[in-house]
Amino acid sequence: MTTYYSEEHEWVTVEGDIATVGITQHAADQLGEIVFVEQKEAGDDFEKGDEIGVIESVKAASEIYAPLDGEVVEANESLADTPGALNESPEGDAWIYKIKLADKGQLEELMDLDGYKALIG
């Protein structure tokens, strides 16, 4: 499975037309201790670049931006009770959304791991 990365420090993996989206380890490290996650609900449509949630840490609040056009098919509801999971496993169990992709071609606009590593350098 290929993982893609956005300039907003999100990762995306795709199975069929469903993308799983979360924040990178780098983003989690920069935020510090995460204490709250606000998410959209299943059925919400959005376009690439739209704000689709907020992550609050003891340091700051940071918006989550849609890396692709689509529709939320599932939000990781466990993050409401355990937002700190984003610090422990941001690129694993603590995914944020599962999204039905509107345009798979947009994946070409995202970075691969080498591109992301160069970005955070």
N, C-alpha and C. Protein backbone atom coordinates (compact mmCIF):
# COMPACT_ATOMS: atom_id res chain seq x y z
N MET A 1 0.85 -1.18 0.00
CA MET A 1 0.00 0.00 0.00
C MET A 1 0.90 1.24 0.00
N THR A 2 0.61 2.17 -0.88
CA THR A 2 1.39 3.40 -1.00
C THR A 2 0.88 4.43 -0.01
N THR A 3 1.82 5.13 0.61
CA THR A 3 1.47 6.23 1.50
C THR A 3 1.88 7.54 0.83
N TYR A 4 0.98 8.51 0.86
CA TYR A 4 1.22 9.84 0.31
C TYR A 4 1.25 10.84 1.46
N TYR A 5 1.88 11.99 1.23
CA TYR A 5 2.01 13.02 2.26
C TYR A 5 1.64 14.38 1.70
N SER A 6 1.03 15.22 2.55
CA SER A 6 0.68 16.58 2.15
C SER A 6 1.64 17.58 2.79
N GLU A 7 1.67 18.78 2.25
CA GLU A 7 2.49 19.84 2.82
C GLU A 7 1.96 20.27 4.19
N GLU A 8 0.72 19.90 4.50
CA GLU A 8 0.11 20.22 5.80
C GLU A 8 0.37 19.13 6.82
N HIS A 9 1.31 18.22 6.50
CA HIS A 9 1.77 17.17 7.43
C HIS A 9 0.70 16.11 7.72
N GLU A 10 0.01 15.72 6.66
CA GLU A 10 -0.96 14.63 6.75
C GLU A 10 -0.46 13.48 5.89
N TRP A 11 -0.80 12.27 6.28
CA TRP A 11 -0.50 11.10 5.47
C TRP A 11 -1.81 10.54 4.94
N VAL A 12 -1.72 9.87 3.80
CA VAL A 12 -2.89 9.29 3.13
C VAL A 12 -2.50 7.92 2.58
N THR A 13 -3.29 6.90 2.92
CA THR A 13 -3.14 5.60 2.26
C THR A 13 -4.47 5.31 1.57
N VAL A 14 -4.42 4.55 0.49
CA VAL A 14 -5.62 4.32 -0.32
C VAL A 14 -5.83 2.84 -0.57
N GLU A 15 -7.07 2.40 -0.36
CA GLU A 15 -7.52 1.06 -0.75
C GLU A 15 -8.78 1.25 -1.55
N GLY A 16 -8.72 0.91 -2.85
CA GLY A 16 -9.86 1.14 -3.72
C GLY A 16 -10.11 2.63 -3.85
N ASP A 17 -11.33 3.07 -3.52
CA ASP A 17 -11.61 4.51 -3.59
C ASP A 17 -11.75 5.12 -2.18
N ILE A 18 -11.23 4.40 -1.17
CA ILE A 18 -11.28 4.89 0.22
C ILE A 18 -9.85 5.24 0.67
N ALA A 19 -9.69 6.48 1.15
CA ALA A 19 -8.40 6.94 1.67
C ALA A 19 -8.50 7.04 3.18
N THR A 20 -7.46 6.59 3.86
CA THR A 20 -7.33 6.78 5.30
C THR A 20 -6.38 7.95 5.48
N VAL A 21 -6.77 8.90 6.35
CA VAL A 21 -6.00 10.14 6.54
C VAL A 21 -5.66 10.32 8.01
N GLY A 22 -4.44 10.74 8.26
CA GLY A 22 -4.00 11.06 9.62
C GLY A 22 -2.92 12.11 9.58
N ILE A 23 -2.36 12.43 10.74
CA ILE A 23 -1.25 13.38 10.79
C ILE A 23 0.05 12.60 10.93
N THR A 24 1.13 13.20 10.48
CA THR A 24 2.43 12.54 10.52
C THR A 24 3.02 12.59 11.93
N GLN A 25 4.01 11.74 12.15
CA GLN A 25 4.73 11.76 13.42
C GLN A 25 5.35 13.13 13.65
N HIS A 26 5.87 13.74 12.57
CA HIS A 26 6.47 15.08 12.67
C HIS A 26 5.44 16.08 13.19
N ALA A 27 4.23 16.04 12.65
CA ALA A 27 3.18 16.96 13.10
C ALA A 27 2.84 16.72 14.57
N ALA A 28 2.71 15.47 14.95
CA ALA A 28 2.39 15.14 16.34
C ALA A 28 3.49 15.64 17.28
N ASP A 29 4.75 15.48 16.87
CA ASP A 29 5.87 15.94 17.69
C ASP A 29 5.85 17.47 17.83
N GLN A 30 5.53 18.16 16.75
CA GLN A 30 5.48 19.63 16.78
C GLN A 30 4.34 20.14 17.66
N LEU A 31 3.21 19.43 17.64
CA LEU A 31 2.06 19.86 18.44
C LEU A 31 2.28 19.64 19.94
N GLY A 32 3.01 18.63 20.30
CA GLY A 32 3.17 18.29 21.71
C GLY A 32 1.97 17.49 22.18
N GLU A 33 1.69 17.54 23.48
CA GLU A 33 0.63 16.72 24.06
C GLU A 33 -0.74 17.13 23.53
N ILE A 34 -1.38 16.23 22.77
CA ILE A 34 -2.69 16.50 22.15
C ILE A 34 -3.79 16.20 23.16
N VAL A 35 -4.70 17.18 23.33
CA VAL A 35 -5.73 17.05 24.37
C VAL A 35 -7.16 17.03 23.82
N PHE A 36 -7.35 17.38 22.53
CA PHE A 36 -8.71 17.43 21.97
C PHE A 36 -8.63 17.33 20.45
N VAL A 37 -9.58 16.60 19.86
CA VAL A 37 -9.69 16.50 18.41
C VAL A 37 -11.14 16.77 18.02
N GLU A 38 -11.33 17.75 17.13
CA GLU A 38 -12.67 18.05 16.58
C GLU A 38 -12.70 17.51 15.17
N GLN A 39 -13.74 16.71 14.86
CA GLN A 39 -13.81 16.07 13.56
C GLN A 39 -15.15 16.33 12.87
N LYS A 40 -15.13 16.21 11.55
CA LYS A 40 -16.36 16.21 10.76
C LYS A 40 -17.06 14.87 10.97
N GLU A 41 -18.30 14.80 10.51
CA GLU A 41 -19.06 13.56 10.65
C GLU A 41 -19.18 12.84 9.32
N ALA A 42 -19.47 11.55 9.38
CA ALA A 42 -19.70 10.77 8.17
C ALA A 42 -20.77 11.44 7.34
N GLY A 43 -20.54 11.50 6.03
CA GLY A 43 -21.48 12.12 5.11
C GLY A 43 -21.10 13.54 4.74
N ASP A 44 -20.19 14.16 5.49
CA ASP A 44 -19.76 15.52 5.18
C ASP A 44 -18.88 15.52 3.94
N ASP A 45 -19.21 16.37 2.97
CA ASP A 45 -18.41 16.55 1.75
C ASP A 45 -17.47 17.73 1.93
N PHE A 46 -16.35 17.70 1.20
CA PHE A 46 -15.40 18.80 1.29
C PHE A 46 -14.53 18.78 0.05
N GLU A 47 -13.79 19.86 -0.15
CA GLU A 47 -12.84 19.96 -1.24
C GLU A 47 -11.44 20.08 -0.69
N LYS A 48 -10.46 19.71 -1.50
CA LYS A 48 -9.06 19.80 -1.10
C LYS A 48 -8.78 21.20 -0.56
N GLY A 49 -8.14 21.24 0.59
CA GLY A 49 -7.79 22.52 1.21
C GLY A 49 -8.80 23.02 2.22
N ASP A 50 -10.01 22.44 2.24
CA ASP A 50 -11.01 22.84 3.23
C ASP A 50 -10.57 22.42 4.63
N GLU A 51 -10.94 23.21 5.62
CA GLU A 51 -10.70 22.80 7.00
C GLU A 51 -11.68 21.69 7.35
N ILE A 52 -11.15 20.55 7.81
CA ILE A 52 -12.03 19.42 8.12
C ILE A 52 -11.90 18.96 9.56
N GLY A 53 -11.28 19.79 10.38
CA GLY A 53 -11.17 19.46 11.79
C GLY A 53 -10.13 20.33 12.48
N VAL A 54 -10.01 20.12 13.79
CA VAL A 54 -9.04 20.87 14.59
C VAL A 54 -8.41 19.91 15.61
N ILE A 55 -7.11 20.06 15.79
CA ILE A 55 -6.39 19.33 16.82
C ILE A 55 -5.88 20.36 17.81
N GLU A 56 -6.21 20.16 19.09
CA GLU A 56 -5.73 21.07 20.13
C GLU A 56 -4.72 20.34 21.00
N SER A 57 -3.63 21.03 21.27
CA SER A 57 -2.60 20.49 22.16
C SER A 57 -2.39 21.49 23.30
N VAL A 58 -1.52 21.13 24.23
CA VAL A 58 -1.23 22.06 25.32
C VAL A 58 -0.49 23.28 24.79
N LYS A 59 0.11 23.17 23.58
CA LYS A 59 0.85 24.27 22.98
C LYS A 59 -0.02 25.17 22.10
N ALA A 60 -0.91 24.57 21.30
CA ALA A 60 -1.62 25.34 20.28
C ALA A 60 -2.79 24.54 19.71
N ALA A 61 -3.58 25.23 18.89
CA ALA A 61 -4.62 24.56 18.11
C ALA A 61 -4.17 24.58 16.66
N SER A 62 -4.41 23.49 15.95
CA SER A 62 -3.99 23.39 14.56
C SER A 62 -5.13 22.80 13.74
N GLU A 63 -5.40 23.43 12.60
CA GLU A 63 -6.46 22.95 11.73
C GLU A 63 -6.00 21.70 10.97
N ILE A 64 -6.97 20.86 10.65
CA ILE A 64 -6.73 19.72 9.76
C ILE A 64 -7.33 20.13 8.42
N TYR A 65 -6.53 20.06 7.36
CA TYR A 65 -7.01 20.43 6.03
C TYR A 65 -7.18 19.19 5.17
N ALA A 66 -8.20 19.20 4.35
CA ALA A 66 -8.45 18.07 3.47
C ALA A 66 -7.33 17.97 2.44
N PRO A 67 -6.65 16.82 2.37
CA PRO A 67 -5.60 16.66 1.37
C PRO A 67 -6.15 16.35 -0.02
N LEU A 68 -7.44 15.99 -0.09
CA LEU A 68 -8.10 15.58 -1.34
C LEU A 68 -9.59 15.91 -1.26
N ASP A 69 -10.24 16.01 -2.42
CA ASP A 69 -11.71 16.15 -2.46
C ASP A 69 -12.33 14.82 -2.03
N GLY A 70 -13.45 14.90 -1.32
CA GLY A 70 -14.12 13.65 -0.98
C GLY A 70 -15.24 13.81 0.02
N GLU A 71 -15.60 12.68 0.61
CA GLU A 71 -16.68 12.62 1.59
C GLU A 71 -16.21 11.75 2.76
N VAL A 72 -16.43 12.23 3.96
CA VAL A 72 -16.09 11.44 5.15
C VAL A 72 -17.01 10.22 5.20
N VAL A 73 -16.42 9.02 5.22
CA VAL A 73 -17.23 7.82 5.39
C VAL A 73 -17.11 7.31 6.82
N GLU A 74 -16.03 7.70 7.51
CA GLU A 74 -15.86 7.30 8.91
C GLU A 74 -14.86 8.24 9.57
N ALA A 75 -15.21 8.69 10.77
CA ALA A 75 -14.27 9.43 11.61
C ALA A 75 -13.82 8.48 12.72
N ASN A 76 -12.58 8.58 13.12
CA ASN A 76 -12.06 7.72 14.19
C ASN A 76 -12.59 8.25 15.52
N GLU A 77 -13.73 7.73 15.92
CA GLU A 77 -14.43 8.23 17.11
C GLU A 77 -13.65 8.00 18.40
N SER A 78 -12.72 7.07 18.40
CA SER A 78 -11.95 6.82 19.62
C SER A 78 -11.09 8.03 20.01
N LEU A 79 -10.81 8.91 19.05
CA LEU A 79 -9.99 10.09 19.35
C LEU A 79 -10.71 11.08 20.26
N ALA A 80 -12.05 11.02 20.32
CA ALA A 80 -12.80 11.90 21.23
C ALA A 80 -12.45 11.58 22.68
N ASP A 81 -12.31 10.30 22.98
CA ASP A 81 -12.00 9.87 24.35
C ASP A 81 -10.50 9.79 24.62
N THR A 82 -9.72 9.51 23.59
CA THR A 82 -8.28 9.35 23.78
C THR A 82 -7.50 10.14 22.72
N PRO A 83 -7.59 11.48 22.75
CA PRO A 83 -6.88 12.29 21.74
C PRO A 83 -5.37 12.09 21.79
N GLY A 84 -4.84 11.72 22.95
CA GLY A 84 -3.41 11.48 23.09
C GLY A 84 -2.90 10.34 22.24
N ALA A 85 -3.81 9.52 21.72
CA ALA A 85 -3.40 8.44 20.81
C ALA A 85 -2.68 9.01 19.59
N LEU A 86 -3.01 10.25 19.23
CA LEU A 86 -2.33 10.89 18.10
C LEU A 86 -0.85 11.11 18.40
N ASN A 87 -0.48 11.23 19.65
CA ASN A 87 0.93 11.33 20.00
C ASN A 87 1.61 9.97 19.98
N GLU A 88 0.87 8.94 20.37
CA GLU A 88 1.43 7.60 20.50
C GLU A 88 1.53 6.85 19.17
N SER A 89 0.53 7.02 18.31
CA SER A 89 0.49 6.25 17.05
C SER A 89 -0.15 7.07 15.92
N PRO A 90 0.44 8.24 15.61
CA PRO A 90 -0.19 9.11 14.61
C PRO A 90 -0.25 8.50 13.21
N GLU A 91 0.69 7.62 12.89
CA GLU A 91 0.71 7.03 11.56
C GLU A 91 0.24 5.57 11.60
N GLY A 92 -0.52 5.24 12.65
CA GLY A 92 -1.03 3.87 12.79
C GLY A 92 -2.48 3.88 13.21
N ASP A 93 -2.74 3.42 14.43
CA ASP A 93 -4.11 3.27 14.93
C ASP A 93 -4.84 4.60 15.09
N ALA A 94 -4.12 5.69 15.22
CA ALA A 94 -4.76 6.99 15.47
C ALA A 94 -5.01 7.75 14.17
N TRP A 95 -5.50 7.05 13.15
CA TRP A 95 -5.92 7.74 11.93
C TRP A 95 -7.10 8.64 12.28
N ILE A 96 -7.38 9.62 11.44
CA ILE A 96 -8.44 10.59 11.75
C ILE A 96 -9.70 10.33 10.94
N TYR A 97 -9.55 10.10 9.64
CA TYR A 97 -10.70 9.91 8.76
C TYR A 97 -10.48 8.79 7.77
N LYS A 98 -11.60 8.21 7.34
CA LYS A 98 -11.65 7.40 6.13
C LYS A 98 -12.54 8.22 5.18
N ILE A 99 -12.03 8.44 3.98
CA ILE A 99 -12.65 9.35 3.03
C ILE A 99 -12.90 8.63 1.71
N LYS A 100 -14.10 8.81 1.15
CA LYS A 100 -14.36 8.32 -0.21
C LYS A 100 -13.84 9.37 -1.17
N LEU A 101 -12.87 8.98 -1.99
CA LEU A 101 -12.23 9.92 -2.89
C LEU A 101 -13.15 10.34 -4.03
N ALA A 102 -13.12 11.63 -4.33
CA ALA A 102 -13.89 12.14 -5.47
C ALA A 102 -13.05 12.11 -6.74
N ASP A 103 -11.71 12.22 -6.60
CA ASP A 103 -10.82 12.30 -7.76
C ASP A 103 -9.47 11.69 -7.40
N LYS A 104 -9.26 10.44 -7.77
CA LYS A 104 -7.99 9.77 -7.45
C LYS A 104 -6.80 10.46 -8.09
N GLY A 105 -7.03 11.21 -9.17
CA GLY A 105 -5.95 11.93 -9.83
C GLY A 105 -5.25 12.92 -8.91
N GLN A 106 -5.96 13.38 -7.87
CA GLN A 106 -5.35 14.33 -6.93
C GLN A 106 -4.21 13.71 -6.13
N LEU A 107 -4.16 12.40 -6.06
CA LEU A 107 -3.06 11.74 -5.35
C LEU A 107 -1.71 12.11 -5.95
N GLU A 108 -1.69 12.38 -7.26
CA GLU A 108 -0.44 12.74 -7.93
C GLU A 108 0.11 14.08 -7.43
N GLU A 109 -0.74 14.89 -6.79
CA GLU A 109 -0.32 16.19 -6.28
C GLU A 109 0.34 16.07 -4.91
N LEU A 110 0.25 14.89 -4.28
CA LEU A 110 0.84 14.68 -2.96
C LEU A 110 2.26 14.15 -3.10
N MET A 111 3.01 14.15 -2.00
CA MET A 111 4.40 13.72 -2.00
C MET A 111 4.54 12.25 -1.60
N ASP A 112 5.65 11.65 -2.02
CA ASP A 112 6.02 10.35 -1.49
C ASP A 112 6.86 10.59 -0.23
N LEU A 113 7.31 9.53 0.43
CA LEU A 113 8.05 9.67 1.68
C LEU A 113 9.33 10.51 1.49
N ASP A 114 10.05 10.28 0.41
CA ASP A 114 11.29 11.05 0.18
C ASP A 114 10.98 12.54 0.04
N GLY A 115 9.92 12.86 -0.68
CA GLY A 115 9.52 14.26 -0.83
C GLY A 115 9.14 14.88 0.50
N TYR A 116 8.44 14.11 1.33
CA TYR A 116 8.04 14.62 2.64
C TYR A 116 9.26 14.82 3.55
N LYS A 117 10.18 13.87 3.51
CA LYS A 117 11.40 14.02 4.33
C LYS A 117 12.18 15.26 3.90
N ALA A 118 12.21 15.55 2.60
CA ALA A 118 12.89 16.76 2.12
C ALA A 118 12.17 18.01 2.62
N LEU A 119 10.84 17.95 2.67
CA LEU A 119 10.05 19.10 3.15
C LEU A 119 10.37 19.42 4.61
N ILE A 120 10.42 18.39 5.45
CA ILE A 120 10.63 18.64 6.88
C ILE A 120 12.10 18.73 7.25
N GLY A 121 12.96 18.32 6.28
CA GLY A 121 14.40 18.38 6.33
C GLY A 121 15.06 18.50 7.62
